[in-house]
Amino acid sequence: MGFNSETASEGGKTSKRGKSLSIDLRSDLKTLITHILKDIDYDALSNTQKLKLLDIALKHTLPKLSIEKQITEHIEQPLFLDIDEED
């Protein structure tokens, strides 16, 4: 089966890419995560476990490097152009 407009249309209908979680599910997950984090006895964790927990938390909270790179490579452009008018 070749790739054409019909097969592309069918593939797009079945694709799961770009589907996000519902707001209710996100809220429930956030509540669950908060509850679990409150129950952890951080003093009982070894240094290795604390570092692993920090590593996982930072991976999910900090922006990806590619996003940061795009932001830092932004070149400022003038907002208004100067146009010299001659009489």
Protein backbone atom coordinates (compact mmCIF):
# COMPACT_ATOMS: atom_id res chain seq x y z
CA MET A 1 0.00 0.00 0.00
CA GLY A 2 1.54 3.28 -1.12
CA PHE A 3 1.45 6.65 0.53
CA ASN A 4 -1.14 9.01 -0.94
CA SER A 5 -3.74 11.47 0.30
CA GLU A 6 -6.20 8.70 1.17
CA THR A 7 -3.75 6.58 3.18
CA ALA A 8 -2.39 9.72 4.88
CA SER A 9 -5.91 10.71 5.88
CA GLU A 10 -6.58 7.25 7.35
CA GLY A 11 -3.25 7.28 9.18
CA GLY A 12 -4.02 10.69 10.66
CA LYS A 13 -7.36 9.47 11.98
CA THR A 14 -5.76 6.56 13.84
CA SER A 15 -2.72 8.46 15.08
CA LYS A 16 -2.43 8.96 18.84
CA ARG A 17 0.29 11.56 18.51
CA GLY A 18 -0.66 14.94 19.93
CA LYS A 19 -3.47 13.62 22.12
CA SER A 20 -3.12 15.09 25.57
CA LEU A 21 -4.50 13.97 28.90
CA SER A 22 -7.86 15.30 29.98
CA ILE A 23 -7.93 18.07 32.56
CA ASP A 24 -9.60 15.78 35.10
CA LEU A 25 -6.94 13.11 34.67
CA ARG A 26 -4.13 15.67 35.01
CA SER A 27 -5.70 17.01 38.18
CA ASP A 28 -6.05 13.51 39.63
CA LEU A 29 -2.43 12.67 38.78
CA LYS A 30 -1.20 15.90 40.33
CA THR A 31 -3.15 15.14 43.54
CA LEU A 32 -1.75 11.60 43.63
CA ILE A 33 1.83 12.75 43.08
CA THR A 34 1.51 15.42 45.77
CA HIS A 35 0.14 12.85 48.23
CA ILE A 36 2.97 10.40 47.48
CA LEU A 37 5.65 13.09 47.82
CA LYS A 38 4.23 14.18 51.20
CA ASP A 39 4.36 10.58 52.45
CA ILE A 40 8.03 10.00 51.58
CA ASP A 41 10.36 9.92 54.59
CA TYR A 42 13.28 11.82 53.09
CA ASP A 43 15.47 11.28 56.16
CA ALA A 44 15.24 7.51 55.63
CA LEU A 45 16.53 7.72 52.06
CA SER A 46 20.16 7.00 51.26
CA ASN A 47 22.21 9.61 49.42
CA THR A 48 21.93 7.53 46.24
CA GLN A 49 18.13 7.43 46.54
CA LYS A 50 17.98 11.17 47.19
CA LEU A 51 20.08 11.87 44.10
CA LYS A 52 17.89 9.57 41.99
CA LEU A 53 14.75 11.29 43.25
CA LEU A 54 16.27 14.70 42.46
CA ASP A 55 17.31 13.50 38.99
CA ILE A 56 13.81 12.26 38.18
CA ALA A 57 12.13 15.38 39.56
CA LEU A 58 14.38 17.73 37.60
CA LYS A 59 13.84 15.81 34.35
CA HIS A 60 10.10 16.38 34.65
CA THR A 61 10.15 19.98 35.85
CA LEU A 62 12.93 21.73 33.93
CA PRO A 63 12.52 22.65 30.27
CA LYS A 64 14.35 20.56 27.70
CA LEU A 65 17.76 21.76 26.52
CA SER A 66 16.50 22.20 22.95
CA ILE A 67 13.89 24.69 24.16
CA GLU A 68 16.48 26.59 26.22
CA LYS A 69 18.86 26.64 23.24
CA GLN A 70 16.21 28.20 21.01
CA ILE A 71 15.51 30.87 23.62
CA THR A 72 19.19 31.79 24.09
CA GLU A 73 19.86 31.91 20.35
CA HIS A 74 17.14 34.53 19.83
CA ILE A 75 18.50 37.58 18.05
CA GLU A 76 16.85 40.82 19.06
CA GLN A 77 15.30 42.73 16.22
CA PRO A 78 14.31 46.40 16.32
CA LEU A 79 10.63 46.91 16.99
CA PHE A 80 10.36 49.93 14.69
CA LEU A 81 12.25 50.66 11.52
CA ASP A 82 13.78 54.11 11.01
CA ILE A 83 12.64 55.55 7.70
CA ASP A 84 14.28 58.74 6.53
CA GLU A 85 11.80 61.02 4.79
CA GLU A 86 13.09 63.40 2.18
CA ASP A 87 11.19 66.57 1.29
